Amino acid sequence: MVRCVDERRRNVTAPLVRAWSVHGLADLLVRALTRTGRAVPAWLRLLAENVDVPARHVESAIFGMS
């Protein structure tokens, strides 16, 4: 379980349980910062929004070199 707590050790958000992924952790941090009125860094917001893109939205290309 991952928790975000304040200076009095009270939960700021609901704990993260069994979703220990980059997306889960980034989302938890964004929610905690937002709830406490702190600025969310742009890189963290982008990470939370884009790290878990569904496979149907991902394209790939293969380039051959000789």
PDB file of N, CA and C in Angstrom:
ATOM      1  N   MET A   1       0.857  -1.166   0.000  1.00  0.00           N
ATOM      2  CA  MET A   1       0.000   0.000   0.000  1.00  0.00           C
ATOM      3  C   MET A   1       0.906   1.232   0.000  1.00  0.00           C
ATOM      4  N   VAL A   2       0.539   2.218  -0.828  1.00  0.00           N
ATOM      5  CA  VAL A   2       1.265   3.483  -0.902  1.00  0.00           C
ATOM      6  C   VAL A   2       0.319   4.581  -0.445  1.00  0.00           C
ATOM      7  N   ARG A   3       0.787   5.403   0.477  1.00  0.00           N
ATOM      8  CA  ARG A   3      -0.055   6.476   1.021  1.00  0.00           C
ATOM      9  C   ARG A   3       0.633   7.822   0.850  1.00  0.00           C
ATOM     10  N   CYS A   4      -0.148   8.854   0.617  1.00  0.00           N
ATOM     11  CA  CYS A   4       0.324  10.240   0.651  1.00  0.00           C
ATOM     12  C   CYS A   4      -0.283  10.846   1.906  1.00  0.00           C
ATOM     13  N   VAL A   5       0.562  11.324   2.790  1.00  0.00           N
ATOM     14  CA  VAL A   5       0.098  11.840   4.073  1.00  0.00           C
ATOM     15  C   VAL A   5       0.553  13.280   4.262  1.00  0.00           C
ATOM     16  N   ASP A   6      -0.136  13.978   5.183  1.00  0.00           N
ATOM     17  CA  ASP A   6       0.258  15.343   5.526  1.00  0.00           C
ATOM     18  C   ASP A   6       1.218  15.316   6.705  1.00  0.00           C
ATOM     19  N   GLU A   7       1.534  16.494   7.220  1.00  0.00           N
ATOM     20  CA  GLU A   7       2.498  16.577   8.326  1.00  0.00           C
ATOM     21  C   GLU A   7       2.014  15.894   9.602  1.00  0.00           C
ATOM     22  N   ARG A   8       0.725  15.655   9.725  1.00  0.00           N
ATOM     23  CA  ARG A   8       0.172  14.957  10.894  1.00  0.00           C
ATOM     24  C   ARG A   8      -0.083  13.476  10.617  1.00  0.00           C
ATOM     25  N   ARG A   9       0.435  13.008   9.497  1.00  0.00           N
ATOM     26  CA  ARG A   9       0.303  11.614   9.068  1.00  0.00           C
ATOM     27  C   ARG A   9      -1.129  11.192   8.765  1.00  0.00           C
ATOM     28  N   ARG A  10      -1.941  12.166   8.345  1.00  0.00           N
ATOM     29  CA  ARG A  10      -3.308  11.856   7.905  1.00  0.00           C
ATOM     30  C   ARG A  10      -3.285  11.660   6.393  1.00  0.00           C
ATOM     31  N   ASN A  11      -4.068  10.697   5.918  1.00  0.00           N
ATOM     32  CA  ASN A  11      -4.135  10.458   4.474  1.00  0.00           C
ATOM     33  C   ASN A  11      -4.637  11.690   3.747  1.00  0.00           C
ATOM     34  N   VAL A  12      -3.944  12.052   2.692  1.00  0.00           N
ATOM     35  CA  VAL A  12      -4.376  13.160   1.837  1.00  0.00           C
ATOM     36  C   VAL A  12      -5.338  12.631   0.775  1.00  0.00           C
ATOM     37  N   THR A  13      -5.085  11.430   0.297  1.00  0.00           N
ATOM     38  CA  THR A  13      -5.941  10.767  -0.694  1.00  0.00           C
ATOM     39  C   THR A  13      -6.154   9.326  -0.229  1.00  0.00           C
ATOM     40  N   ALA A  14      -6.992   8.633  -0.948  1.00  0.00           N
ATOM     41  CA  ALA A  14      -7.149   7.203  -0.676  1.00  0.00           C
ATOM     42  C   ALA A  14      -5.829   6.508  -1.017  1.00  0.00           C
ATOM     43  N   PRO A  15      -5.440   5.515  -0.246  1.00  0.00           N
ATOM     44  CA  PRO A  15      -4.178   4.825  -0.526  1.00  0.00           C
ATOM     45  C   PRO A  15      -4.216   4.073  -1.854  1.00  0.00           C
ATOM     46  N   LEU A  16      -3.061   3.881  -2.398  1.00  0.00           N
ATOM     47  CA  LEU A  16      -2.905   3.119  -3.637  1.00  0.00           C
ATOM     48  C   LEU A  16      -2.670   1.661  -3.243  1.00  0.00           C
ATOM     49  N   VAL A  17      -3.587   0.796  -3.627  1.00  0.00           N
ATOM     50  CA  VAL A  17      -3.498  -0.606  -3.247  1.00  0.00           C
ATOM     51  C   VAL A  17      -3.400  -1.463  -4.500  1.00  0.00           C
ATOM     52  N   ARG A  18      -2.337  -2.206  -4.599  1.00  0.00           N
ATOM     53  CA  ARG A  18      -2.124  -3.163  -5.690  1.00  0.00           C
ATOM     54  C   ARG A  18      -2.186  -2.553  -7.083  1.00  0.00           C
ATOM     55  N   ALA A  19      -1.892  -1.302  -7.215  1.00  0.00           N
ATOM     56  CA  ALA A  19      -1.808  -0.658  -8.536  1.00  0.00           C
ATOM     57  C   ALA A  19      -0.429  -0.021  -8.655  1.00  0.00           C
ATOM     58  N   TRP A  20       0.579  -0.770  -8.282  1.00  0.00           N
ATOM     59  CA  TRP A  20       1.935  -0.249  -8.234  1.00  0.00           C
ATOM     60  C   TRP A  20       2.548  -0.215  -9.620  1.00  0.00           C
ATOM     61  N   SER A  21       2.142   0.782 -10.349  1.00  0.00           N
ATOM     62  CA  SER A  21       2.654   0.992 -11.704  1.00  0.00           C
ATOM     63  C   SER A  21       3.045   2.454 -11.815  1.00  0.00           C
ATOM     64  N   VAL A  22       3.708   2.796 -12.894  1.00  0.00           N
ATOM     65  CA  VAL A  22       4.067   4.196 -13.113  1.00  0.00           C
ATOM     66  C   VAL A  22       2.804   5.038 -13.167  1.00  0.00           C
ATOM     67  N   HIS A  23       1.788   4.549 -13.868  1.00  0.00           N
ATOM     68  CA  HIS A  23       0.533   5.285 -13.975  1.00  0.00           C
ATOM     69  C   HIS A  23      -0.128   5.453 -12.610  1.00  0.00           C
ATOM     70  N   GLY A  24      -0.193   4.379 -11.841  1.00  0.00           N
ATOM     71  CA  GLY A  24      -0.831   4.427 -10.534  1.00  0.00           C
ATOM     72  C   GLY A  24      -0.147   5.412  -9.590  1.00  0.00           C
ATOM     73  N   LEU A  25       1.180   5.369  -9.551  1.00  0.00           N
ATOM     74  CA  LEU A  25       1.926   6.271  -8.672  1.00  0.00           C
ATOM     75  C   LEU A  25       1.834   7.720  -9.133  1.00  0.00           C
ATOM     76  N   ALA A  26       1.956   7.949 -10.434  1.00  0.00           N
ATOM     77  CA  ALA A  26       1.869   9.320 -10.949  1.00  0.00           C
ATOM     78  C   ALA A  26       0.487   9.904 -10.679  1.00  0.00           C
ATOM     79  N   ASP A  27      -0.545   9.112 -10.884  1.00  0.00           N
ATOM     80  CA  ASP A  27      -1.905   9.580 -10.632  1.00  0.00           C
ATOM     81  C   ASP A  27      -2.118   9.900  -9.153  1.00  0.00           C
ATOM     82  N   LEU A  28      -1.593   9.060  -8.285  1.00  0.00           N
ATOM     83  CA  LEU A  28      -1.696   9.303  -6.852  1.00  0.00           C
ATOM     84  C   LEU A  28      -1.022  10.620  -6.466  1.00  0.00           C
ATOM     85  N   LEU A  29       0.159  10.872  -6.995  1.00  0.00           N
ATOM     86  CA  LEU A  29       0.874  12.111  -6.686  1.00  0.00           C
ATOM     87  C   LEU A  29       0.129  13.336  -7.212  1.00  0.00           C
ATOM     88  N   VAL A  30      -0.429  13.238  -8.406  1.00  0.00           N
ATOM     89  CA  VAL A  30      -1.208  14.357  -8.957  1.00  0.00           C
ATOM     90  C   VAL A  30      -2.418  14.646  -8.070  1.00  0.00           C
ATOM     91  N   ARG A  31      -3.125  13.601  -7.652  1.00  0.00           N
ATOM     92  CA  ARG A  31      -4.295  13.800  -6.786  1.00  0.00           C
ATOM     93  C   ARG A  31      -3.903  14.408  -5.444  1.00  0.00           C
ATOM     94  N   ALA A  32      -2.807  13.941  -4.869  1.00  0.00           N
ATOM     95  CA  ALA A  32      -2.371  14.464  -3.569  1.00  0.00           C
ATOM     96  C   ALA A  32      -1.958  15.930  -3.672  1.00  0.00           C
ATOM     97  N   LEU A  33      -1.203  16.281  -4.694  1.00  0.00           N
ATOM     98  CA  LEU A  33      -0.784  17.673  -4.867  1.00  0.00           C
ATOM     99  C   LEU A  33      -1.983  18.581  -5.119  1.00  0.00           C
ATOM    100  N   THR A  34      -2.917  18.121  -5.932  1.00  0.00           N
ATOM    101  CA  THR A  34      -4.114  18.906  -6.231  1.00  0.00           C
ATOM    102  C   THR A  34      -4.951  19.112  -4.976  1.00  0.00           C
ATOM    103  N   ARG A  35      -5.151  18.062  -4.211  1.00  0.00           N
ATOM    104  CA  ARG A  35      -5.969  18.158  -3.004  1.00  0.00           C
ATOM    105  C   ARG A  35      -5.356  19.102  -1.968  1.00  0.00           C
ATOM    106  N   THR A  36      -4.040  19.173  -1.905  1.00  0.00           N
ATOM    107  CA  THR A  36      -3.384  20.044  -0.922  1.00  0.00           C
ATOM    108  C   THR A  36      -3.149  21.452  -1.457  1.00  0.00           C
ATOM    109  N   GLY A  37      -3.606  21.721  -2.672  1.00  0.00           N
ATOM    110  CA  GLY A  37      -3.493  23.059  -3.238  1.00  0.00           C
ATOM    111  C   GLY A  37      -2.114  23.404  -3.765  1.00  0.00           C
ATOM    112  N   ARG A  38      -1.307  22.406  -3.988  1.00  0.00           N
ATOM    113  CA  ARG A  38       0.040  22.638  -4.508  1.00  0.00           C
ATOM    114  C   ARG A  38       0.054  22.494  -6.016  1.00  0.00           C
ATOM    115  N   ALA A  39       1.003  23.139  -6.638  1.00  0.00           N
ATOM    116  CA  ALA A  39       1.133  23.071  -8.090  1.00  0.00           C
ATOM    117  C   ALA A  39       1.615  21.683  -8.508  1.00  0.00           C
ATOM    118  N   VAL A  40       1.017  21.176  -9.554  1.00  0.00           N
ATOM    119  CA  VAL A  40       1.441  19.892 -10.119  1.00  0.00           C
ATOM    120  C   VAL A  40       2.414  20.206 -11.251  1.00  0.00           C
ATOM    121  N   PRO A  41       3.648  19.715 -11.168  1.00  0.00           N
ATOM    122  CA  PRO A  41       4.603  19.977 -12.251  1.00  0.00           C
ATOM    123  C   PRO A  41       4.071  19.458 -13.588  1.00  0.00           C
ATOM    124  N   ALA A  42       4.373  20.190 -14.635  1.00  0.00           N
ATOM    125  CA  ALA A  42       3.883  19.810 -15.970  1.00  0.00           C
ATOM    126  C   ALA A  42       4.345  18.406 -16.350  1.00  0.00           C
ATOM    127  N   TRP A  43       5.577  18.048 -16.013  1.00  0.00           N
ATOM    128  CA  TRP A  43       6.092  16.735 -16.391  1.00  0.00           C
ATOM    129  C   TRP A  43       5.316  15.622 -15.700  1.00  0.00           C
ATOM    130  N   LEU A  44       4.901  15.865 -14.457  1.00  0.00           N
ATOM    131  CA  LEU A  44       4.157  14.846 -13.724  1.00  0.00           C
ATOM    132  C   LEU A  44       2.750  14.695 -14.290  1.00  0.00           C
ATOM    133  N   ARG A  45       2.118  15.804 -14.625  1.00  0.00           N
ATOM    134  CA  ARG A  45       0.781  15.748 -15.225  1.00  0.00           C
ATOM    135  C   ARG A  45       0.832  15.010 -16.565  1.00  0.00           C
ATOM    136  N   LEU A  46       1.836  15.322 -17.387  1.00  0.00           N
ATOM    137  CA  LEU A  46       1.981  14.635 -18.678  1.00  0.00           C
ATOM    138  C   LEU A  46       2.232  13.144 -18.486  1.00  0.00           C
ATOM    139  N   LEU A  47       3.059  12.809 -17.516  1.00  0.00           N
ATOM    140  CA  LEU A  47       3.334  11.398 -17.246  1.00  0.00           C
ATOM    141  C   LEU A  47       2.061  10.670 -16.841  1.00  0.00           C
ATOM    142  N   ALA A  48       1.298  11.250 -15.933  1.00  0.00           N
ATOM    143  CA  ALA A  48       0.069  10.612 -15.459  1.00  0.00           C
ATOM    144  C   ALA A  48      -0.946  10.436 -16.587  1.00  0.00           C
ATOM    145  N   GLU A  49      -0.985  11.388 -17.498  1.00  0.00           N
ATOM    146  CA  GLU A  49      -1.973  11.328 -18.580  1.00  0.00           C
ATOM    147  C   GLU A  49      -1.561  10.408 -19.724  1.00  0.00           C
ATOM    148  N   ASN A  50      -0.257  10.222 -19.922  1.00  0.00           N
ATOM    149  CA  ASN A  50       0.189   9.535 -21.135  1.00  0.00           C
ATOM    150  C   ASN A  50       0.907   8.221 -20.930  1.00  0.00           C
ATOM    151  N   VAL A  51       1.242   7.866 -19.717  1.00  0.00           N
ATOM    152  CA  VAL A  51       2.015   6.649 -19.508  1.00  0.00           C
ATOM    153  C   VAL A  51       1.196   5.387 -19.752  1.00  0.00           C
ATOM    154  N   ASP A  52      -0.092   5.456 -19.587  1.00  0.00           N
ATOM    155  CA  ASP A  52      -0.940   4.276 -19.703  1.00  0.00           C
ATOM    156  C   ASP A  52      -1.854   4.364 -20.920  1.00  0.00           C
ATOM    157  N   VAL A  53      -1.289   4.735 -22.051  1.00  0.00           N
ATOM    158  CA  VAL A  53      -2.067   4.877 -23.283  1.00  0.00           C
ATOM    159  C   VAL A  53      -2.487   3.493 -23.766  1.00  0.00           C
ATOM    160  N   PRO A  54      -3.777   3.314 -24.068  1.00  0.00           N
ATOM    161  CA  PRO A  54      -4.238   2.009 -24.562  1.00  0.00           C
ATOM    162  C   PRO A  54      -3.519   1.604 -25.850  1.00  0.00           C
ATOM    163  N   ALA A  55      -3.307   0.327 -26.023  1.00  0.00           N
ATOM    164  CA  ALA A  55      -2.567  -0.193 -27.175  1.00  0.00           C
ATOM    165  C   ALA A  55      -3.186   0.239 -28.502  1.00  0.00           C
ATOM    166  N   ARG A  56      -4.492   0.444 -28.535  1.00  0.00           N
ATOM    167  CA  ARG A  56      -5.130   0.816 -29.805  1.00  0.00           C
ATOM    168  C   ARG A  56      -4.741   2.222 -30.255  1.00  0.00           C
ATOM    169  N   HIS A  57      -4.151   3.005 -29.362  1.00  0.00           N
ATOM    170  CA  HIS A  57      -3.728   4.363 -29.716  1.00  0.00           C
ATOM    171  C   HIS A  57      -2.233   4.453 -29.999  1.00  0.00           C
ATOM    172  N   VAL A  58      -1.558   3.316 -30.000  1.00  0.00           N
ATOM    173  CA  VAL A  58      -0.117   3.309 -30.202  1.00  0.00           C
ATOM    174  C   VAL A  58       0.166   2.738 -31.588  1.00  0.00           C
ATOM    175  N   GLU A  59       1.036   3.418 -32.291  1.00  0.00           N
ATOM    176  CA  GLU A  59       1.453   2.947 -33.616  1.00  0.00           C
ATOM    177  C   GLU A  59       2.941   2.691 -33.573  1.00  0.00           C
ATOM    178  N   SER A  60       3.396   1.855 -34.448  1.00  0.00           N
ATOM    179  CA  SER A  60       4.823   1.611 -34.531  1.00  0.00           C
ATOM    180  C   SER A  60       5.254   1.621 -35.996  1.00  0.00           C
ATOM    181  N   ALA A  61       6.515   1.886 -36.200  1.00  0.00           N
ATOM    182  CA  ALA A  61       7.077   1.871 -37.544  1.00  0.00           C
ATOM    183  C   ALA A  61       8.443   1.201 -37.461  1.00  0.00           C
ATOM    184  N   ILE A  62       8.780   0.481 -38.484  1.00  0.00           N
ATOM    185  CA  ILE A  62      10.077  -0.193 -38.545  1.00  0.00           C
ATOM    186  C   ILE A  62      10.812   0.357 -39.758  1.00  0.00           C
ATOM    187  N   PHE A  63      12.024   0.808 -39.534  1.00  0.00           N
ATOM    188  CA  PHE A  63      12.851   1.365 -40.599  1.00  0.00           C
ATOM    189  C   PHE A  63      14.074   0.481 -40.781  1.00  0.00           C
ATOM    190  N   GLY A  64      14.281   0.047 -41.993  1.00  0.00           N
ATOM    191  CA  GLY A  64      15.447  -0.768 -42.281  1.00  0.00           C
ATOM    192  C   GLY A  64      16.641   0.083 -42.663  1.00  0.00           C
ATOM    193  N   MET A  65      17.803  -0.362 -42.272  1.00  0.00           N
ATOM    194  CA  MET A  65      19.030   0.351 -42.620  1.00  0.00           C
ATOM    195  C   MET A  65      19.985  -0.643 -43.255  1.00  0.00           C
ATOM    196  N   SER A  66      20.721  -0.168 -44.231  1.00  0.00           N
ATOM    197  CA  SER A  66      21.692  -1.072 -44.855  1.00  0.00           C
ATOM    198  C   SER A  66      23.056  -0.434 -44.925  1.00  0.00           C
TER     199      SER A  66
END
